[in-house]
């Protein structure tokens, strides 16, 4: 994977290598398939998270942030997972005071992750 000078390193290379090692020569690229699933699924969770924050639904914020954190960790999305964890912990504590700011950071982190994943499968 080659990133441009302006692209932050948002993917854990060891996770990417572990996913790639699951594939067999001559078979479809496992990493590309898993990346496609992540890129299709994460925006759905981001929309749900934004709606839960707007509704001040701490349980939905907790559940959605938890799911998104898990998939981010499995994908090696190093910038996304800590933001999800912060949202998850705040919701668990019953506070969504900084949730909107965290959500905006998470959206930007997903955009950077998407760009990095596109480069990684190109």
Protein backbone atom coordinates (compact mmCIF):
# COMPACT_ATOMS: atom_id res chain seq x y z
CA UNK A 1 0.00 0.00 0.00
CA UNK A 2 1.34 3.40 -0.95
CA UNK A 3 -0.13 6.50 0.59
CA UNK A 4 0.35 10.03 -0.63
CA UNK A 5 2.19 12.50 1.56
CA UNK A 6 -1.11 14.10 2.57
CA UNK A 7 -2.83 10.80 3.44
CA UNK A 8 -2.48 9.84 7.11
CA UNK A 9 -1.60 6.26 7.91
CA UNK A 10 -5.02 4.98 8.95
CA UNK A 11 -4.62 1.24 8.37
CA UNK A 12 -2.66 -1.26 10.41
CA UNK A 13 -0.41 -3.08 7.92
CA UNK A 14 -0.27 -6.18 10.12
CA UNK A 15 -4.07 -6.51 10.03
CA UNK A 16 -4.05 -6.04 6.26
CA UNK A 17 -1.37 -8.74 5.92
CA UNK A 18 -3.32 -11.12 8.18
CA UNK A 19 -6.46 -10.68 6.08
CA UNK A 20 -4.53 -11.14 2.86
CA UNK A 21 -2.98 -14.35 4.21
CA UNK A 22 -6.46 -15.90 4.39
CA UNK A 23 -6.63 -16.09 0.61
CA UNK A 24 -5.32 -18.81 -1.65
CA UNK A 25 -3.40 -18.19 -4.87
CA UNK A 26 -5.72 -18.08 -7.85
CA UNK A 27 -8.78 -17.29 -5.72
CA UNK A 28 -10.49 -13.90 -5.47
CA UNK A 29 -8.65 -11.36 -3.32
CA UNK A 30 -9.96 -11.87 0.23
CA UNK A 31 -8.76 -8.45 1.33
CA UNK A 32 -10.63 -6.77 -1.53
CA UNK A 33 -13.80 -8.71 -0.67
CA UNK A 34 -13.62 -7.83 3.03
CA UNK A 35 -12.80 -4.23 2.17
CA UNK A 36 -15.89 -4.08 -0.04
CA UNK A 37 -18.06 -5.36 2.79
CA UNK A 38 -16.59 -2.85 5.24
CA UNK A 39 -17.04 0.04 2.81
CA UNK A 40 -20.66 -0.95 2.23
CA UNK A 41 -21.47 -1.55 5.90
CA UNK A 42 -19.68 1.31 7.68
CA UNK A 43 -21.70 4.14 6.07
CA UNK A 44 -24.91 2.46 7.24
CA UNK A 45 -23.57 2.39 10.80
CA UNK A 46 -22.39 5.99 10.51
CA UNK A 47 -25.87 7.12 9.45
CA UNK A 48 -27.44 5.17 12.30
CA UNK A 49 -24.94 6.64 14.74
CA UNK A 50 -25.67 10.19 13.57
CA UNK A 51 -29.40 9.59 13.95
CA UNK A 52 -28.93 8.13 17.44
CA UNK A 53 -26.84 11.13 18.50
CA UNK A 54 -29.43 13.55 17.11
CA UNK A 55 -32.14 11.69 19.03
CA UNK A 56 -29.96 11.62 22.17
CA UNK A 57 -30.51 7.84 22.32
CA UNK A 58 -27.58 6.71 24.48
CA UNK A 59 -28.36 2.99 24.08
CA UNK A 60 -28.42 3.22 20.29
CA UNK A 61 -25.21 5.28 20.32
CA UNK A 62 -23.57 2.65 22.52
CA UNK A 63 -24.71 -0.30 20.39
CA UNK A 64 -23.83 1.32 17.06
CA UNK A 65 -20.46 2.65 18.22
CA UNK A 66 -19.66 -0.81 19.63
CA UNK A 67 -20.44 -2.54 16.31
CA UNK A 68 -18.52 0.03 14.29
CA UNK A 69 -15.54 -0.19 16.65
CA UNK A 70 -15.46 -3.96 16.22
CA UNK A 71 -15.54 -3.82 12.45
CA UNK A 72 -12.94 -1.03 12.45
CA UNK A 73 -10.60 -3.13 14.58
CA UNK A 74 -11.13 -6.17 12.35
CA UNK A 75 -10.30 -4.03 9.31
CA UNK A 76 -7.30 -2.41 10.96
CA UNK A 77 -8.82 1.08 10.79
CA UNK A 78 -6.54 2.61 13.40
CA UNK A 79 -8.07 6.11 13.32
CA UNK A 80 -11.69 5.00 13.53
CA UNK A 81 -11.59 2.49 16.37
CA UNK A 82 -10.50 4.90 19.16
CA UNK A 83 -13.18 7.43 18.22
CA UNK A 84 -15.79 4.67 18.30
CA UNK A 85 -14.46 3.58 21.69
CA UNK A 86 -14.80 7.15 22.98
CA UNK A 87 -18.41 7.33 21.79
CA UNK A 88 -19.11 3.92 23.26
CA UNK A 89 -17.65 4.84 26.66
CA UNK A 90 -19.47 8.17 26.78
CA UNK A 91 -22.79 6.50 25.96
CA UNK A 92 -22.14 3.82 28.57
CA UNK A 93 -21.66 6.65 31.08
CA UNK A 94 -24.91 8.23 29.87
CA UNK A 95 -23.30 11.35 28.42
CA UNK A 96 -23.50 12.45 24.80
CA UNK A 97 -22.07 15.91 25.49
CA UNK A 98 -19.18 15.54 23.02
CA UNK A 99 -20.87 13.00 20.76
CA UNK A 100 -21.50 15.35 17.85
CA UNK A 101 -17.86 16.46 17.74
CA UNK A 102 -16.71 12.83 17.97
CA UNK A 103 -19.13 11.90 15.21
CA UNK A 104 -17.67 14.58 12.93
CA UNK A 105 -14.15 13.28 13.69
CA UNK A 106 -15.32 9.74 12.99
CA UNK A 107 -16.82 10.77 9.66
CA UNK A 108 -13.52 12.36 8.63
CA UNK A 109 -11.61 9.28 9.83
CA UNK A 110 -13.88 7.05 7.74
CA UNK A 111 -13.25 9.21 4.68
CA UNK A 112 -9.48 8.87 5.20
CA UNK A 113 -9.85 5.13 5.82
CA UNK A 114 -11.91 4.75 2.64
CA UNK A 115 -9.22 6.51 0.62
CA UNK A 116 -6.50 4.34 2.16
CA UNK A 117 -8.47 1.16 1.50
CA UNK A 118 -9.04 2.19 -2.11
CA UNK A 119 -5.27 2.60 -2.49
CA UNK A 120 -4.64 -0.71 -0.75
CA UNK A 121 -6.81 -2.69 -3.18
CA UNK A 122 -5.81 -0.77 -6.32
